[in-house]
Amino acid sequence: MRAERQALLAAVAAALPEIQAEAAALDETVKFPHAAFDQLRAIGLLTASLPETLGGLGFGYGPEGAESLLKLLMLLGEASLPVARLYEAHINALQLICRYGRENLASRAAQDSADGHLFALWVTDPPGGGGLLLNRDFVLAGGKAFCSGAGVATRALVTAQTVTGAQMLVVALPPQPARCPAK
């Protein structure tokens, strides 16, 4: 597995100049880094953080996986902090699903990731409280402060309150135009 991780890190390093060039242009226009994520998909980065049992390379699992993940995030951060942050949210969502979700949910998330779906986190409650409520009919009501990758991510890990406590949900999101803050 070490050789496969090294090969993936080398592929990311080779993609850095293009990601950096896109990042500079996007900083001016406040747009999502589509080309960078197309590259990440093409080199297999969306599944790299999955456990080996789910078809991933185990980035983030065990001491060697943690070291590989650190190197990967440092490379991406060097290229583009927004890309690194959005990718870190993808990793975080997948790792939470794999750790706390049922086996069938983890398998579905792994397949979705292999199919190119970008996962996001939608867990920050609005200032002053509130958040999402999930009722007994499985209807969500309320809101969140923001979602990393909103408008582009097609899967989100969402937290909601239920009558029995907090619940994590995986929600399929249709792509929509992202709303960026005015400059």
N, C-alpha and C. Protein backbone atom coordinates (compact mmCIF):
# COMPACT_ATOMS: atom_id res chain seq x y z
N MET A 1 0.83 -1.20 0.00
CA MET A 1 0.00 0.00 0.00
C MET A 1 0.87 1.26 0.00
N ARG A 2 2.03 1.18 0.61
CA ARG A 2 2.92 2.34 0.67
C ARG A 2 3.23 2.86 -0.73
N ALA A 3 3.50 1.95 -1.67
CA ALA A 3 3.84 2.37 -3.04
C ALA A 3 2.64 3.07 -3.70
N GLU A 4 1.43 2.58 -3.46
CA GLU A 4 0.25 3.21 -4.04
C GLU A 4 0.03 4.62 -3.46
N ARG A 5 0.25 4.75 -2.17
CA ARG A 5 0.14 6.09 -1.55
C ARG A 5 1.18 7.04 -2.12
N GLN A 6 2.42 6.54 -2.26
CA GLN A 6 3.49 7.38 -2.81
C GLN A 6 3.17 7.80 -4.24
N ALA A 7 2.62 6.88 -5.02
CA ALA A 7 2.26 7.21 -6.40
C ALA A 7 1.18 8.28 -6.44
N LEU A 8 0.21 8.18 -5.55
CA LEU A 8 -0.85 9.18 -5.52
C LEU A 8 -0.30 10.54 -5.10
N LEU A 9 0.59 10.55 -4.11
CA LEU A 9 1.20 11.82 -3.69
C LEU A 9 2.01 12.43 -4.84
N ALA A 10 2.70 11.59 -5.60
CA ALA A 10 3.46 12.09 -6.75
C ALA A 10 2.52 12.68 -7.82
N ALA A 11 1.38 12.04 -8.03
CA ALA A 11 0.41 12.56 -9.00
C ALA A 11 -0.14 13.91 -8.55
N VAL A 12 -0.39 14.05 -7.25
CA VAL A 12 -0.86 15.34 -6.72
C VAL A 12 0.22 16.39 -6.90
N ALA A 13 1.46 16.04 -6.58
CA ALA A 13 2.57 16.99 -6.74
C ALA A 13 2.68 17.45 -8.19
N ALA A 14 2.48 16.54 -9.13
CA ALA A 14 2.55 16.90 -10.54
C ALA A 14 1.41 17.83 -10.95
N ALA A 15 0.28 17.75 -10.26
CA ALA A 15 -0.87 18.60 -10.59
C ALA A 15 -0.80 19.98 -9.94
N LEU A 16 0.15 20.18 -9.03
CA LEU A 16 0.21 21.46 -8.30
C LEU A 16 0.28 22.70 -9.18
N PRO A 17 1.12 22.74 -10.21
CA PRO A 17 1.18 23.97 -11.01
C PRO A 17 -0.17 24.38 -11.61
N GLU A 18 -0.93 23.41 -12.10
CA GLU A 18 -2.24 23.74 -12.67
C GLU A 18 -3.22 24.20 -11.59
N ILE A 19 -3.18 23.54 -10.45
CA ILE A 19 -4.07 23.92 -9.34
C ILE A 19 -3.71 25.32 -8.86
N GLN A 20 -2.41 25.61 -8.76
CA GLN A 20 -1.97 26.94 -8.33
C GLN A 20 -2.40 28.01 -9.33
N ALA A 21 -2.27 27.73 -10.60
CA ALA A 21 -2.67 28.71 -11.62
C ALA A 21 -4.16 28.98 -11.55
N GLU A 22 -4.96 27.92 -11.38
CA GLU A 22 -6.40 28.12 -11.27
C GLU A 22 -6.73 28.90 -10.00
N ALA A 23 -6.04 28.60 -8.90
CA ALA A 23 -6.32 29.27 -7.63
C ALA A 23 -6.11 30.77 -7.74
N ALA A 24 -5.04 31.18 -8.40
CA ALA A 24 -4.77 32.61 -8.55
C ALA A 24 -5.89 33.30 -9.32
N ALA A 25 -6.36 32.68 -10.37
CA ALA A 25 -7.44 33.27 -11.16
C ALA A 25 -8.76 33.28 -10.38
N LEU A 26 -9.02 32.21 -9.63
CA LEU A 26 -10.29 32.13 -8.90
C LEU A 26 -10.34 33.07 -7.70
N ASP A 27 -9.20 33.38 -7.13
CA ASP A 27 -9.18 34.33 -6.02
C ASP A 27 -9.74 35.68 -6.47
N GLU A 28 -9.50 36.02 -7.72
CA GLU A 28 -9.99 37.29 -8.25
C GLU A 28 -11.49 37.25 -8.55
N THR A 29 -12.00 36.11 -8.96
CA THR A 29 -13.39 36.03 -9.40
C THR A 29 -14.32 35.35 -8.40
N VAL A 30 -13.77 34.83 -7.30
CA VAL A 30 -14.54 34.14 -6.24
C VAL A 30 -15.40 33.03 -6.85
N LYS A 31 -14.75 32.05 -7.44
CA LYS A 31 -15.43 30.92 -8.07
C LYS A 31 -14.91 29.61 -7.49
N PHE A 32 -15.69 28.56 -7.66
CA PHE A 32 -15.32 27.23 -7.19
C PHE A 32 -14.21 26.65 -8.08
N PRO A 33 -13.26 25.94 -7.50
CA PRO A 33 -12.14 25.36 -8.27
C PRO A 33 -12.53 24.07 -9.00
N HIS A 34 -13.38 24.19 -9.99
CA HIS A 34 -13.86 23.02 -10.73
C HIS A 34 -12.73 22.22 -11.37
N ALA A 35 -11.81 22.91 -12.05
CA ALA A 35 -10.73 22.20 -12.74
C ALA A 35 -9.87 21.42 -11.75
N ALA A 36 -9.60 22.00 -10.59
CA ALA A 36 -8.79 21.31 -9.58
C ALA A 36 -9.50 20.03 -9.12
N PHE A 37 -10.79 20.11 -8.87
CA PHE A 37 -11.51 18.92 -8.42
C PHE A 37 -11.68 17.90 -9.54
N ASP A 38 -11.73 18.35 -10.78
CA ASP A 38 -11.72 17.40 -11.90
C ASP A 38 -10.40 16.63 -11.91
N GLN A 39 -9.30 17.34 -11.64
CA GLN A 39 -7.99 16.67 -11.57
C GLN A 39 -7.94 15.70 -10.39
N LEU A 40 -8.44 16.13 -9.24
CA LEU A 40 -8.42 15.27 -8.06
C LEU A 40 -9.24 14.00 -8.30
N ARG A 41 -10.38 14.16 -8.95
CA ARG A 41 -11.19 12.98 -9.30
C ARG A 41 -10.41 12.05 -10.22
N ALA A 42 -9.79 12.63 -11.24
CA ALA A 42 -9.09 11.84 -12.25
C ALA A 42 -7.94 11.03 -11.66
N ILE A 43 -7.27 11.56 -10.66
CA ILE A 43 -6.13 10.83 -10.09
C ILE A 43 -6.54 9.95 -8.91
N GLY A 44 -7.83 9.93 -8.58
CA GLY A 44 -8.32 9.01 -7.55
C GLY A 44 -8.31 9.55 -6.14
N LEU A 45 -8.24 10.85 -6.00
CA LEU A 45 -8.14 11.43 -4.67
C LEU A 45 -9.44 11.36 -3.87
N LEU A 46 -10.59 11.27 -4.54
CA LEU A 46 -11.84 11.27 -3.80
C LEU A 46 -12.04 9.99 -2.99
N THR A 47 -11.33 8.92 -3.34
CA THR A 47 -11.45 7.67 -2.59
C THR A 47 -10.21 7.37 -1.75
N ALA A 48 -9.18 8.17 -1.83
CA ALA A 48 -7.92 7.87 -1.13
C ALA A 48 -8.08 7.75 0.37
N SER A 49 -9.00 8.50 0.96
CA SER A 49 -9.15 8.50 2.41
C SER A 49 -10.07 7.40 2.92
N LEU A 50 -10.59 6.59 2.02
CA LEU A 50 -11.42 5.47 2.45
C LEU A 50 -10.52 4.35 2.98
N PRO A 51 -11.04 3.56 3.91
CA PRO A 51 -10.26 2.40 4.36
C PRO A 51 -10.04 1.44 3.20
N GLU A 52 -8.98 0.67 3.28
CA GLU A 52 -8.66 -0.29 2.22
C GLU A 52 -9.81 -1.27 2.01
N THR A 53 -10.53 -1.61 3.08
CA THR A 53 -11.64 -2.56 2.96
C THR A 53 -12.78 -2.02 2.10
N LEU A 54 -12.80 -0.69 1.89
CA LEU A 54 -13.83 -0.07 1.06
C LEU A 54 -13.26 0.46 -0.26
N GLY A 55 -12.08 -0.03 -0.62
CA GLY A 55 -11.49 0.34 -1.89
C GLY A 55 -10.60 1.57 -1.87
N GLY A 56 -10.32 2.11 -0.69
CA GLY A 56 -9.47 3.28 -0.58
C GLY A 56 -8.02 2.91 -0.34
N LEU A 57 -7.22 3.95 -0.12
CA LEU A 57 -5.80 3.75 0.16
C LEU A 57 -5.49 3.95 1.63
N GLY A 58 -6.50 4.18 2.45
CA GLY A 58 -6.28 4.29 3.88
C GLY A 58 -5.59 5.56 4.34
N PHE A 59 -5.63 6.62 3.52
CA PHE A 59 -5.07 7.90 3.97
C PHE A 59 -5.83 8.32 5.22
N GLY A 60 -5.10 8.55 6.31
CA GLY A 60 -5.73 8.96 7.56
C GLY A 60 -5.97 7.82 8.53
N TYR A 61 -5.68 6.58 8.13
CA TYR A 61 -5.88 5.42 8.99
C TYR A 61 -4.54 4.85 9.43
N GLY A 62 -4.33 4.74 10.73
CA GLY A 62 -3.08 4.22 11.26
C GLY A 62 -1.95 5.23 11.11
N PRO A 63 -0.79 4.94 11.70
CA PRO A 63 0.33 5.89 11.66
C PRO A 63 0.80 6.23 10.24
N GLU A 64 0.96 5.22 9.37
CA GLU A 64 1.41 5.50 8.00
C GLU A 64 0.34 6.25 7.21
N GLY A 65 -0.91 5.90 7.43
CA GLY A 65 -1.99 6.59 6.74
C GLY A 65 -2.10 8.04 7.19
N ALA A 66 -1.88 8.29 8.48
CA ALA A 66 -1.92 9.66 9.00
C ALA A 66 -0.79 10.48 8.41
N GLU A 67 0.38 9.88 8.30
CA GLU A 67 1.52 10.59 7.70
C GLU A 67 1.25 10.91 6.23
N SER A 68 0.68 9.95 5.52
CA SER A 68 0.35 10.18 4.10
C SER A 68 -0.69 11.28 3.95
N LEU A 69 -1.69 11.28 4.83
CA LEU A 69 -2.73 12.31 4.77
C LEU A 69 -2.15 13.69 5.07
N LEU A 70 -1.25 13.77 6.03
CA LEU A 70 -0.60 15.04 6.34
C LEU A 70 0.14 15.56 5.10
N LYS A 71 0.92 14.70 4.46
CA LYS A 71 1.65 15.11 3.26
C LYS A 71 0.69 15.56 2.16
N LEU A 72 -0.39 14.83 2.00
CA LEU A 72 -1.38 15.17 0.97
C LEU A 72 -2.00 16.54 1.23
N LEU A 73 -2.44 16.78 2.46
CA LEU A 73 -3.06 18.07 2.79
C LEU A 73 -2.05 19.22 2.68
N MET A 74 -0.78 18.96 3.01
CA MET A 74 0.24 19.99 2.86
C MET A 74 0.45 20.33 1.38
N LEU A 75 0.47 19.31 0.53
CA LEU A 75 0.61 19.56 -0.91
C LEU A 75 -0.56 20.38 -1.44
N LEU A 76 -1.77 19.97 -1.08
CA LEU A 76 -2.94 20.70 -1.55
C LEU A 76 -2.98 22.12 -1.00
N GLY A 77 -2.61 22.28 0.27
CA GLY A 77 -2.58 23.61 0.87
C GLY A 77 -1.56 24.52 0.21
N GLU A 78 -0.46 23.94 -0.22
CA GLU A 78 0.55 24.71 -0.94
C GLU A 78 0.01 25.20 -2.28
N ALA A 79 -0.80 24.37 -2.89
CA ALA A 79 -1.38 24.72 -4.19
C ALA A 79 -2.53 25.70 -4.06
N SER A 80 -3.45 25.42 -3.11
CA SER A 80 -4.65 26.24 -2.96
C SER A 80 -5.31 25.93 -1.63
N LEU A 81 -5.36 26.90 -0.75
CA LEU A 81 -6.02 26.67 0.54
C LEU A 81 -7.50 26.35 0.38
N PRO A 82 -8.24 27.01 -0.53
CA PRO A 82 -9.64 26.61 -0.70
C PRO A 82 -9.80 25.15 -1.16
N VAL A 83 -8.95 24.69 -2.06
CA VAL A 83 -9.02 23.30 -2.51
C VAL A 83 -8.71 22.37 -1.33
N ALA A 84 -7.68 22.69 -0.57
CA ALA A 84 -7.32 21.85 0.58
C ALA A 84 -8.45 21.82 1.60
N ARG A 85 -9.07 22.95 1.85
CA ARG A 85 -10.16 23.01 2.84
C ARG A 85 -11.37 22.20 2.37
N LEU A 86 -11.74 22.35 1.12
CA LEU A 86 -12.88 21.60 0.59
C LEU A 86 -12.59 20.11 0.56
N TYR A 87 -11.36 19.75 0.21
CA TYR A 87 -10.98 18.34 0.20
C TYR A 87 -10.96 17.78 1.63
N GLU A 88 -10.50 18.58 2.57
CA GLU A 88 -10.49 18.15 3.97
C GLU A 88 -11.91 17.90 4.47
N ALA A 89 -12.87 18.71 4.04
CA ALA A 89 -14.27 18.47 4.41
C ALA A 89 -14.76 17.16 3.81
N HIS A 90 -14.37 16.87 2.58
CA HIS A 90 -14.72 15.60 1.92
C HIS A 90 -14.18 14.43 2.75
N ILE A 91 -12.91 14.52 3.11
CA ILE A 91 -12.28 13.47 3.92
C ILE A 91 -12.99 13.33 5.26
N ASN A 92 -13.22 14.43 5.92
CA ASN A 92 -13.85 14.42 7.24
C ASN A 92 -15.22 13.75 7.17
N ALA A 93 -16.01 14.12 6.18
CA ALA A 93 -17.34 13.53 6.04
C ALA A 93 -17.23 12.02 5.84
N LEU A 94 -16.35 11.59 4.94
CA LEU A 94 -16.20 10.15 4.69
C LEU A 94 -15.71 9.40 5.93
N GLN A 95 -14.76 9.98 6.64
CA GLN A 95 -14.25 9.29 7.83
C GLN A 95 -15.30 9.19 8.93
N LEU A 96 -16.11 10.23 9.09
CA LEU A 96 -17.20 10.16 10.07
C LEU A 96 -18.23 9.10 9.68
N ILE A 97 -18.55 9.04 8.39
CA ILE A 97 -19.50 8.03 7.92
C ILE A 97 -18.94 6.63 8.15
N CYS A 98 -17.68 6.44 7.81
CA CYS A 98 -17.06 5.11 7.98
C CYS A 98 -16.93 4.73 9.44
N ARG A 99 -16.71 5.70 10.29
CA ARG A 99 -16.53 5.40 11.72
C ARG A 99 -17.85 5.18 12.44
N TYR A 100 -18.85 6.02 12.16
CA TYR A 100 -20.09 5.98 12.93
C TYR A 100 -21.29 5.43 12.18
N GLY A 101 -21.20 5.34 10.87
CA GLY A 101 -22.33 4.86 10.08
C GLY A 101 -22.38 3.34 10.04
N ARG A 102 -23.53 2.85 9.69
CA ARG A 102 -23.67 1.41 9.50
C ARG A 102 -22.86 0.98 8.27
N GLU A 103 -22.57 -0.31 8.20
CA GLU A 103 -21.73 -0.84 7.13
C GLU A 103 -22.31 -0.53 5.75
N ASN A 104 -23.63 -0.65 5.59
CA ASN A 104 -24.22 -0.39 4.27
C ASN A 104 -24.11 1.09 3.89
N LEU A 105 -24.19 1.99 4.87
CA LEU A 105 -24.03 3.41 4.59
C LEU A 105 -22.59 3.72 4.19
N ALA A 106 -21.63 3.13 4.90
CA ALA A 106 -20.22 3.33 4.56
C ALA A 106 -19.93 2.80 3.15
N SER A 107 -20.50 1.65 2.82
CA SER A 107 -20.31 1.08 1.48
C SER A 107 -20.91 1.99 0.41
N ARG A 108 -22.08 2.53 0.69
CA ARG A 108 -22.74 3.44 -0.26
C ARG A 108 -21.92 4.72 -0.43
N ALA A 109 -21.40 5.25 0.67
CA ALA A 109 -20.58 6.46 0.59
C ALA A 109 -19.30 6.19 -0.20
N ALA A 110 -18.72 5.02 0.00
CA ALA A 110 -17.51 4.65 -0.75
C ALA A 110 -17.82 4.57 -2.24
N GLN A 111 -18.94 3.98 -2.59
CA GLN A 111 -19.32 3.87 -4.01
C GLN A 111 -19.61 5.25 -4.59
N ASP A 112 -20.32 6.08 -3.84
CA ASP A 112 -20.60 7.44 -4.30
C ASP A 112 -19.30 8.21 -4.54
N SER A 113 -18.35 8.05 -3.63
CA SER A 113 -17.07 8.72 -3.78
C SER A 113 -16.34 8.21 -5.02
N ALA A 114 -16.36 6.90 -5.23
CA ALA A 114 -15.73 6.31 -6.42
C ALA A 114 -16.41 6.79 -7.70
N ASP A 115 -17.70 7.08 -7.61
CA ASP A 115 -18.45 7.59 -8.76
C ASP A 115 -18.21 9.09 -8.99
N GLY A 116 -17.40 9.71 -8.14
CA GLY A 116 -17.03 11.11 -8.34
C GLY A 116 -17.78 12.11 -7.49
N HIS A 117 -18.62 11.65 -6.57
CA HIS A 117 -19.36 12.59 -5.73
C HIS A 117 -18.43 13.24 -4.71
N LEU A 118 -18.58 14.54 -4.57
CA LEU A 118 -17.84 15.31 -3.57
C LEU A 118 -18.72 15.43 -2.34
N PHE A 119 -18.17 15.04 -1.20
CA PHE A 119 -18.89 15.14 0.07
C PHE A 119 -18.55 16.46 0.75
N ALA A 120 -19.49 16.96 1.52
CA ALA A 120 -19.32 18.21 2.25
C ALA A 120 -19.82 18.03 3.68
N LEU A 121 -19.51 18.99 4.50
CA LEU A 121 -20.01 19.03 5.87
C LEU A 121 -21.02 20.16 5.99
N TRP A 122 -22.14 19.85 6.59
CA TRP A 122 -23.19 20.84 6.82
C TRP A 122 -23.58 20.69 8.27
N VAL A 123 -22.67 21.11 9.14
CA VAL A 123 -22.83 20.82 10.56
C VAL A 123 -22.83 22.05 11.47
N THR A 124 -22.53 23.22 10.94
CA THR A 124 -22.43 24.42 11.77
C THR A 124 -23.80 25.06 11.97
N ASP A 125 -24.23 25.11 13.23
CA ASP A 125 -25.51 25.74 13.53
C ASP A 125 -25.39 27.26 13.44
N PRO A 126 -26.50 27.93 13.16
CA PRO A 126 -26.46 29.38 13.04
C PRO A 126 -26.08 30.05 14.36
N PRO A 127 -25.50 31.25 14.29
CA PRO A 127 -25.20 31.97 15.53
C PRO A 127 -26.48 32.17 16.35
N GLY A 128 -26.37 32.01 17.62
CA GLY A 128 -27.53 32.20 18.49
C GLY A 128 -28.37 30.95 18.67
N GLY A 129 -27.91 29.83 18.10
CA GLY A 129 -28.65 28.59 18.29
C GLY A 129 -29.53 28.24 17.13
N GLY A 130 -30.35 27.28 17.35
CA GLY A 130 -31.22 26.80 16.26
C GLY A 130 -30.58 25.60 15.62
N GLY A 131 -30.62 25.55 14.32
CA GLY A 131 -30.08 24.42 13.60
C GLY A 131 -31.19 23.64 12.94
N LEU A 132 -30.89 22.42 12.58
CA LEU A 132 -31.87 21.57 11.92
C LEU A 132 -32.54 20.65 12.92
N LEU A 133 -33.82 20.42 12.68
CA LEU A 133 -34.59 19.45 13.45
C LEU A 133 -35.10 18.38 12.50
N LEU A 134 -34.98 17.13 12.90
CA LEU A 134 -35.49 16.01 12.12
C LEU A 134 -36.68 15.44 12.87
N ASN A 135 -37.87 15.51 12.26
CA ASN A 135 -39.05 15.01 12.96
C ASN A 135 -39.26 13.52 12.71
N ARG A 136 -40.27 12.96 13.31
CA ARG A 136 -40.53 11.52 13.21
C ARG A 136 -40.88 11.06 11.80
N ASP A 137 -41.29 12.01 10.95
CA ASP A 137 -41.59 11.69 9.55
C ASP A 137 -40.37 11.87 8.65
N PHE A 138 -39.20 12.09 9.25
CA PHE A 138 -37.94 12.28 8.55
C PHE A 138 -37.94 13.53 7.68
N VAL A 139 -38.59 14.57 8.18
CA VAL A 139 -38.59 15.87 7.50
C VAL A 139 -37.67 16.80 8.28
N LEU A 140 -36.76 17.46 7.55
CA LEU A 140 -35.85 18.42 8.16
C LEU A 140 -36.48 19.80 8.15
N ALA A 141 -36.29 20.52 9.25
CA ALA A 141 -36.75 21.91 9.35
C ALA A 141 -35.66 22.71 10.05
N GLY A 142 -35.50 23.95 9.66
CA GLY A 142 -34.50 24.81 10.28
C GLY A 142 -33.41 25.15 9.29
N GLY A 143 -32.22 25.41 9.81
CA GLY A 143 -31.13 25.80 8.92
C GLY A 143 -29.78 25.58 9.55
N LYS A 144 -28.76 25.76 8.75
CA LYS A 144 -27.36 25.69 9.15
C LYS A 144 -26.70 26.99 8.74
N ALA A 145 -25.56 27.28 9.35
CA ALA A 145 -24.87 28.53 9.06
C ALA A 145 -24.27 28.51 7.65
N PHE A 146 -23.66 27.40 7.28
CA PHE A 146 -23.08 27.28 5.94
C PHE A 146 -22.73 25.82 5.68
N CYS A 147 -22.44 25.53 4.42
CA CYS A 147 -22.02 24.20 4.01
C CYS A 147 -20.79 24.36 3.13
N SER A 148 -19.69 23.75 3.53
CA SER A 148 -18.50 23.80 2.69
C SER A 148 -18.81 23.07 1.38
N GLY A 149 -18.55 23.74 0.28
CA GLY A 149 -18.84 23.13 -1.01
C GLY A 149 -20.27 23.29 -1.46
N ALA A 150 -21.03 24.15 -0.80
CA ALA A 150 -22.44 24.34 -1.17
C ALA A 150 -22.57 24.67 -2.64
N GLY A 151 -23.53 24.04 -3.28
CA GLY A 151 -23.78 24.28 -4.69
C GLY A 151 -22.99 23.38 -5.62
N VAL A 152 -21.94 22.75 -5.09
CA VAL A 152 -21.11 21.89 -5.92
C VAL A 152 -21.07 20.47 -5.37
N ALA A 153 -20.92 20.35 -4.05
CA ALA A 153 -20.93 19.02 -3.44
C ALA A 153 -22.28 18.36 -3.70
N THR A 154 -22.24 17.07 -3.94
CA THR A 154 -23.47 16.34 -4.22
C THR A 154 -23.88 15.40 -3.09
N ARG A 155 -23.07 15.37 -2.03
CA ARG A 155 -23.40 14.62 -0.82
C ARG A 155 -22.97 15.47 0.37
N ALA A 156 -23.79 15.49 1.42
CA ALA A 156 -23.42 16.25 2.61
C ALA A 156 -23.69 15.43 3.86
N LEU A 157 -22.78 15.53 4.79
CA LEU A 157 -22.99 15.00 6.12
C LEU A 157 -23.63 16.14 6.91
N VAL A 158 -24.84 15.90 7.39
CA VAL A 158 -25.64 16.92 8.06
C VAL A 158 -25.94 16.46 9.48
N THR A 159 -25.86 17.38 10.42
CA THR A 159 -26.28 17.07 11.79
C THR A 159 -27.64 17.71 12.04
N ALA A 160 -28.48 16.97 12.75
CA ALA A 160 -29.82 17.47 13.09
C ALA A 160 -30.19 16.96 14.48
N GLN A 161 -31.06 17.69 15.12
CA GLN A 161 -31.57 17.27 16.42
C GLN A 161 -32.84 16.45 16.22
N THR A 162 -32.98 15.41 17.00
CA THR A 162 -34.18 14.58 17.00
C THR A 162 -34.71 14.53 18.43
N VAL A 163 -35.82 13.86 18.63
CA VAL A 163 -36.36 13.76 19.98
C VAL A 163 -35.43 12.97 20.90
N THR A 164 -34.55 12.15 20.33
CA THR A 164 -33.63 11.35 21.14
C THR A 164 -32.21 11.91 21.19
N GLY A 165 -31.96 13.04 20.52
CA GLY A 165 -30.62 13.64 20.53
C GLY A 165 -30.14 13.95 19.13
N ALA A 166 -28.84 14.21 19.04
CA ALA A 166 -28.25 14.58 17.75
C ALA A 166 -28.15 13.36 16.84
N GLN A 167 -28.32 13.62 15.55
CA GLN A 167 -28.27 12.57 14.54
C GLN A 167 -27.44 13.07 13.36
N MET A 168 -26.57 12.22 12.82
CA MET A 168 -25.86 12.54 11.59
C MET A 168 -26.61 11.90 10.43
N LEU A 169 -26.78 12.65 9.36
CA LEU A 169 -27.47 12.18 8.17
C LEU A 169 -26.57 12.39 6.97
N VAL A 170 -26.71 11.54 5.98
CA VAL A 170 -26.05 11.77 4.70
C VAL A 170 -27.15 12.13 3.72
N VAL A 171 -27.01 13.29 3.11
CA VAL A 171 -28.06 13.83 2.25
C VAL A 171 -27.50 14.00 0.84
N ALA A 172 -28.25 13.52 -0.14
CA ALA A 172 -27.90 13.76 -1.54
C ALA A 172 -28.31 15.18 -1.90
N LEU A 173 -27.39 15.92 -2.47
CA LEU A 173 -27.64 17.32 -2.82
C LEU A 173 -27.58 17.49 -4.34
N PRO A 174 -28.61 18.05 -4.93
CA PRO A 174 -28.51 18.35 -6.36
C PRO A 174 -27.56 19.54 -6.55
N PRO A 175 -26.68 19.49 -7.54
CA PRO A 175 -25.80 20.64 -7.76
C PRO A 175 -26.62 21.89 -8.07
N GLN A 176 -26.19 22.99 -7.50
CA GLN A 176 -26.86 24.27 -7.71
C GLN A 176 -25.80 25.35 -7.84
N PRO A 177 -26.16 26.47 -8.42
CA PRO A 177 -25.19 27.55 -8.49
C PRO A 177 -24.77 27.97 -7.09
N ALA A 178 -23.48 28.03 -6.86
CA ALA A 178 -22.97 28.45 -5.56
C ALA A 178 -23.16 29.95 -5.41
N ARG A 179 -23.53 30.35 -4.21
CA ARG A 179 -23.67 31.77 -3.92
C ARG A 179 -22.42 32.23 -3.19
N CYS A 180 -21.66 33.09 -3.80
CA CYS A 180 -20.43 33.60 -3.21
C CYS A 180 -20.69 35.00 -2.68
N PRO A 181 -19.97 35.36 -1.62
CA PRO A 181 -20.15 36.70 -1.07
C PRO A 181 -19.71 37.77 -2.08
N ALA A 182 -20.39 38.89 -2.04
CA ALA A 182 -20.02 40.01 -2.92
C ALA A 182 -18.69 40.57 -2.47
N LYS A 183 -17.93 41.00 -3.43
CA LYS A 183 -16.60 41.57 -3.12
C LYS A 183 -16.74 43.01 -2.71
